[in-house]
C-alpha atoms as a PDB file:
ATOM      1  CA  UNK A   1       0.012   0.020   0.004  1.00  0.00           C
ATOM      2  CA  UNK A   2       2.781   2.438   0.853  1.00  0.00           C
ATOM      3  CA  UNK A   3       4.544   1.583  -2.364  1.00  0.00           C
ATOM      4  CA  UNK A   4       1.509   2.412  -4.427  1.00  0.00           C
ATOM      5  CA  UNK A   5       1.038   5.670  -2.580  1.00  0.00           C
ATOM      6  CA  UNK A   6       4.670   6.564  -3.190  1.00  0.00           C
ATOM      7  CA  UNK A   7       4.449   5.736  -6.854  1.00  0.00           C
ATOM      8  CA  UNK A   8       1.250   7.685  -7.217  1.00  0.00           C
ATOM      9  CA  UNK A   9       2.681  10.790  -5.538  1.00  0.00           C
ATOM     10  CA  UNK A  10       5.828  10.441  -7.600  1.00  0.00           C
ATOM     11  CA  UNK A  11       3.901  10.483 -10.801  1.00  0.00           C
ATOM     12  CA  UNK A  12       1.474  13.298  -9.541  1.00  0.00           C
ATOM     13  CA  UNK A  13       4.261  15.677  -8.462  1.00  0.00           C
ATOM     14  CA  UNK A  14       6.977  14.721 -10.976  1.00  0.00           C
ATOM     15  CA  UNK A  15       5.202  13.516 -14.153  1.00  0.00           C
ATOM     16  CA  UNK A  16       8.229  14.064 -16.406  1.00  0.00           C
ATOM     17  CA  UNK A  17      10.625  12.401 -13.960  1.00  0.00           C
ATOM     18  CA  UNK A  18      11.100   8.629 -14.024  1.00  0.00           C
ATOM     19  CA  UNK A  19      10.646   7.401 -10.553  1.00  0.00           C
ATOM     20  CA  UNK A  20      12.364   4.039 -10.953  1.00  0.00           C
ATOM     21  CA  UNK A  21      12.900   3.435  -7.270  1.00  0.00           C
ATOM     22  CA  UNK A  22       9.192   3.942  -6.527  1.00  0.00           C
ATOM     23  CA  UNK A  23       7.929   2.010  -9.550  1.00  0.00           C
ATOM     24  CA  UNK A  24      10.510  -0.713  -9.475  1.00  0.00           C
ATOM     25  CA  UNK A  25      12.948  -1.651 -12.191  1.00  0.00           C
ATOM     26  CA  UNK A  26      11.597  -2.634 -15.540  1.00  0.00           C
ATOM     27  CA  UNK A  27      13.087  -4.894 -18.167  1.00  0.00           C
ATOM     28  CA  UNK A  28      13.424  -2.160 -20.781  1.00  0.00           C
ATOM     29  CA  UNK A  29      15.472  -0.097 -18.346  1.00  0.00           C
ATOM     30  CA  UNK A  30      18.190  -2.775 -18.202  1.00  0.00           C
ATOM     31  CA  UNK A  31      21.213  -1.774 -20.155  1.00  0.00           C
ATOM     32  CA  UNK A  32      24.111  -3.544 -18.358  1.00  0.00           C
ATOM     33  CA  UNK A  33      23.857  -7.291 -17.767  1.00  0.00           C
ATOM     34  CA  UNK A  34      26.008  -9.606 -15.822  1.00  0.00           C
ATOM     35  CA  UNK A  35      25.659 -13.243 -16.944  1.00  0.00           C
ATOM     36  CA  UNK A  36      25.993 -15.538 -14.012  1.00  0.00           C
ATOM     37  CA  UNK A  37      26.812 -19.296 -14.086  1.00  0.00           C
ATOM     38  CA  UNK A  38      24.372 -21.621 -15.937  1.00  0.00           C
ATOM     39  CA  UNK A  39      25.260 -24.504 -13.558  1.00  0.00           C
ATOM     40  CA  UNK A  40      28.411 -26.597 -13.200  1.00  0.00           C
ATOM     41  CA  UNK A  41      30.245 -28.449 -15.859  1.00  0.00           C
ATOM     42  CA  UNK A  42      31.675 -27.758 -19.271  1.00  0.00           C
ATOM     43  CA  UNK A  43      28.236 -27.770 -21.001  1.00  0.00           C
ATOM     44  CA  UNK A  44      26.946 -25.010 -18.678  1.00  0.00           C
ATOM     45  CA  UNK A  45      30.047 -22.821 -19.235  1.00  0.00           C
ATOM     46  CA  UNK A  46      29.796 -23.236 -23.039  1.00  0.00           C
ATOM     47  CA  UNK A  47      26.155 -22.201 -22.965  1.00  0.00           C
ATOM     48  CA  UNK A  48      26.973 -19.214 -20.756  1.00  0.00           C
ATOM     49  CA  UNK A  49      29.744 -18.148 -23.098  1.00  0.00           C
ATOM     50  CA  UNK A  50      27.570 -18.380 -26.156  1.00  0.00           C
ATOM     51  CA  UNK A  51      24.854 -16.414 -24.435  1.00  0.00           C
ATOM     52  CA  UNK A  52      27.402 -13.652 -23.554  1.00  0.00           C
ATOM     53  CA  UNK A  53      28.604 -13.598 -27.220  1.00  0.00           C
ATOM     54  CA  UNK A  54      24.955 -13.244 -28.504  1.00  0.00           C
ATOM     55  CA  UNK A  55      24.171 -10.488 -25.984  1.00  0.00           C
ATOM     56  CA  UNK A  56      27.268  -8.544 -27.145  1.00  0.00           C
ATOM     57  CA  UNK A  57      26.428  -9.026 -30.883  1.00  0.00           C
ATOM     58  CA  UNK A  58      22.862  -7.808 -30.196  1.00  0.00           C
ATOM     59  CA  UNK A  59      24.153  -4.294 -29.404  1.00  0.00           C
ATOM     60  CA  UNK A  60      21.266  -3.802 -27.031  1.00  0.00           C
ATOM     61  CA  UNK A  61      23.032  -4.722 -23.805  1.00  0.00           C
ATOM     62  CA  UNK A  62      26.497  -4.080 -22.387  1.00  0.00           C
ATOM     63  CA  UNK A  63      27.735  -7.269 -20.776  1.00  0.00           C
ATOM     64  CA  UNK A  64      29.785  -6.449 -17.632  1.00  0.00           C
ATOM     65  CA  UNK A  65      32.257  -8.546 -15.632  1.00  0.00           C
ATOM     66  CA  UNK A  66      30.683  -8.135 -12.185  1.00  0.00           C
ATOM     67  CA  UNK A  67      27.287  -8.025 -10.583  1.00  0.00           C
ATOM     68  CA  UNK A  68      28.136  -4.721  -8.956  1.00  0.00           C
ATOM     69  CA  UNK A  69      28.484  -3.054 -12.373  1.00  0.00           C
ATOM     70  CA  UNK A  70      25.142  -4.539 -13.716  1.00  0.00           C
ATOM     71  CA  UNK A  71      21.556  -3.180 -13.810  1.00  0.00           C
ATOM     72  CA  UNK A  72      20.429  -6.854 -13.728  1.00  0.00           C
ATOM     73  CA  UNK A  73      21.772 -10.394 -13.626  1.00  0.00           C
ATOM     74  CA  UNK A  74      20.936 -13.096 -16.198  1.00  0.00           C
ATOM     75  CA  UNK A  75      21.244 -16.590 -14.747  1.00  0.00           C
ATOM     76  CA  UNK A  76      19.835 -20.002 -15.277  1.00  0.00           C
ATOM     77  CA  UNK A  77      20.610 -23.700 -15.624  1.00  0.00           C
ATOM     78  CA  UNK A  78      21.637 -25.404 -18.825  1.00  0.00           C
ATOM     79  CA  UNK A  79      22.706 -28.774 -20.124  1.00  0.00           C
ATOM     80  CA  UNK A  80      23.503 -30.613 -23.269  1.00  0.00           C
ATOM     81  CA  UNK A  81      22.243 -34.239 -23.662  1.00  0.00           C
ATOM     82  CA  UNK A  82      22.858 -36.614 -26.505  1.00  0.00           C
ATOM     83  CA  UNK A  83      20.970 -39.445 -28.074  1.00  0.00           C
ATOM     84  CA  UNK A  84      21.762 -41.933 -30.846  1.00  0.00           C
ATOM     85  CA  UNK A  85      19.610 -42.216 -33.880  1.00  0.00           C
ATOM     86  CA  UNK A  86      19.447 -44.490 -36.880  1.00  0.00           C
ATOM     87  CA  UNK A  87      17.175 -44.881 -39.829  1.00  0.00           C
ATOM     88  CA  UNK A  88      16.911 -45.253 -43.579  1.00  0.00           C
ATOM     89  CA  UNK A  89      16.054 -42.692 -46.207  1.00  0.00           C
ATOM     90  CA  UNK A  90      15.055 -43.068 -49.814  1.00  0.00           C
ATOM     91  CA  UNK A  91      16.137 -40.498 -52.356  1.00  0.00           C
ATOM     92  CA  UNK A  92      15.466 -41.209 -56.018  1.00  0.00           C
ATOM     93  CA  UNK A  93      14.936 -44.958 -55.371  1.00  0.00           C
ATOM     94  CA  UNK A  94      18.282 -45.248 -53.528  1.00  0.00           C
ATOM     95  CA  UNK A  95      17.995 -46.349 -49.952  1.00  0.00           C
ATOM     96  CA  UNK A  96      20.611 -45.330 -47.567  1.00  0.00           C
ATOM     97  CA  UNK A  97      21.154 -45.984 -43.924  1.00  0.00           C
ATOM     98  CA  UNK A  98      21.900 -43.059 -41.546  1.00  0.00           C
ATOM     99  CA  UNK A  99      22.920 -43.035 -37.954  1.00  0.00           C
ATOM    100  CA  UNK A 100      24.665 -40.742 -35.633  1.00  0.00           C
ATOM    101  CA  UNK A 101      24.407 -38.658 -32.507  1.00  0.00           C
ATOM    102  CA  UNK A 102      21.873 -35.860 -31.972  1.00  0.00           C
ATOM    103  CA  UNK A 103      22.573 -33.239 -29.276  1.00  0.00           C
ATOM    104  CA  UNK A 104      19.937 -31.156 -27.456  1.00  0.00           C
ATOM    105  CA  UNK A 105      20.838 -28.163 -25.293  1.00  0.00           C
ATOM    106  CA  UNK A 106      18.203 -26.940 -22.838  1.00  0.00           C
ATOM    107  CA  UNK A 107      18.181 -24.080 -20.393  1.00  0.00           C
ATOM    108  CA  UNK A 108      15.907 -22.192 -18.102  1.00  0.00           C
ATOM    109  CA  UNK A 109      16.907 -18.546 -17.713  1.00  0.00           C
ATOM    110  CA  UNK A 110      15.873 -15.416 -15.828  1.00  0.00           C
ATOM    111  CA  UNK A 111      16.842 -11.871 -15.356  1.00  0.00           C
ATOM    112  CA  UNK A 112      16.676 -10.316 -11.864  1.00  0.00           C
ATOM    113  CA  UNK A 113      16.956  -6.648 -11.141  1.00  0.00           C
ATOM    114  CA  UNK A 114      18.975  -4.936  -8.401  1.00  0.00           C
ATOM    115  CA  UNK A 115      16.011  -5.545  -6.082  1.00  0.00           C
ATOM    116  CA  UNK A 116      16.117  -9.324  -6.862  1.00  0.00           C
ATOM    117  CA  UNK A 117      12.686  -9.037  -8.634  1.00  0.00           C
ATOM    118  CA  UNK A 118      12.455 -11.318 -11.611  1.00  0.00           C
ATOM    119  CA  UNK A 119      12.098  -9.121 -14.680  1.00  0.00           C
ATOM    120  CA  UNK A 120      11.970 -11.949 -17.273  1.00  0.00           C
ATOM    121  CA  UNK A 121      12.169 -15.650 -17.412  1.00  0.00           C
ATOM    122  CA  UNK A 122      12.154 -18.170 -20.295  1.00  0.00           C
ATOM    123  CA  UNK A 123      13.149 -21.654 -21.245  1.00  0.00           C
ATOM    124  CA  UNK A 124      14.720 -22.691 -24.527  1.00  0.00           C
ATOM    125  CA  UNK A 125      15.932 -25.642 -26.529  1.00  0.00           C
ATOM    126  CA  UNK A 126      18.499 -25.978 -29.223  1.00  0.00           C
ATOM    127  CA  UNK A 127      19.396 -29.055 -31.350  1.00  0.00           C
ATOM    128  CA  UNK A 128      22.234 -30.113 -33.651  1.00  0.00           C
ATOM    129  CA  UNK A 129      25.782 -31.219 -33.485  1.00  0.00           C
ATOM    130  CA  UNK A 130      27.462 -30.849 -30.132  1.00  0.00           C
ATOM    131  CA  UNK A 131      28.676 -27.316 -30.734  1.00  0.00           C
ATOM    132  CA  UNK A 132      25.662 -26.217 -32.761  1.00  0.00           C
ATOM    133  CA  UNK A 133      23.179 -27.209 -30.085  1.00  0.00           C
ATOM    134  CA  UNK A 134      24.640 -24.644 -27.636  1.00  0.00           C
ATOM    135  CA  UNK A 135      24.831 -21.903 -30.248  1.00  0.00           C
ATOM    136  CA  UNK A 136      21.183 -22.515 -31.254  1.00  0.00           C
ATOM    137  CA  UNK A 137      20.125 -22.362 -27.617  1.00  0.00           C
ATOM    138  CA  UNK A 138      22.003 -19.135 -27.057  1.00  0.00           C
ATOM    139  CA  UNK A 139      20.503 -17.535 -30.210  1.00  0.00           C
ATOM    140  CA  UNK A 140      17.039 -18.497 -28.966  1.00  0.00           C
ATOM    141  CA  UNK A 141      17.558 -17.137 -25.447  1.00  0.00           C
ATOM    142  CA  UNK A 142      18.801 -13.732 -26.748  1.00  0.00           C
ATOM    143  CA  UNK A 143      16.256 -13.558 -29.526  1.00  0.00           C
ATOM    144  CA  UNK A 144      13.379 -14.175 -26.958  1.00  0.00           C
ATOM    145  CA  UNK A 145      14.895 -11.580 -24.642  1.00  0.00           C
ATOM    146  CA  UNK A 146      15.141  -8.976 -27.344  1.00  0.00           C
ATOM    147  CA  UNK A 147      11.597  -9.665 -28.483  1.00  0.00           C
ATOM    148  CA  UNK A 148      10.331  -9.135 -24.940  1.00  0.00           C
ATOM    149  CA  UNK A 149      12.333  -5.919 -24.527  1.00  0.00           C
ATOM    150  CA  UNK A 150      10.957  -4.593 -27.856  1.00  0.00           C
ATOM    151  CA  UNK A 151       7.358  -5.535 -26.815  1.00  0.00           C
ATOM    152  CA  UNK A 152       7.877  -3.680 -23.476  1.00  0.00           C
ATOM    153  CA  UNK A 153       9.414  -0.625 -25.317  1.00  0.00           C
ATOM    154  CA  UNK A 154       6.386  -0.381 -27.529  1.00  0.00           C
ATOM    155  CA  UNK A 155       4.136  -0.526 -24.544  1.00  0.00           C
ATOM    156  CA  UNK A 156       5.664   2.523 -22.828  1.00  0.00           C
END
């Protein structure tokens, strides 16, 4: 109740001033992100590294080296699993056998603001070769995040 009153008075008396503390942090106000661990193990670190690379490539966020420097923290849990497949395909009357290993990378991610409020959460899956599964997953995470930020920007 006190928070609502504070936010209302902030908007009433200072309509052109963004009262971020009274209203709480919003996803579209996040510019600096720290990407925390995605779990333990090599797969988790590879996924984290690929997410960092995609965030940097997006140009929308500045990825920083410590939580203290960040507006928000992106964290989650990720893993890569593999499964064997085999089958036959027919092309132009020629039947050929195919077999191999398919990799699937999965992660649940979230962004929390300075006040520890969850600003965004998502889950994603990527498939392909061992290296490609993690890249596909990172692409999807960042694409979904940017889509949500754009949607929030339009709703201002």
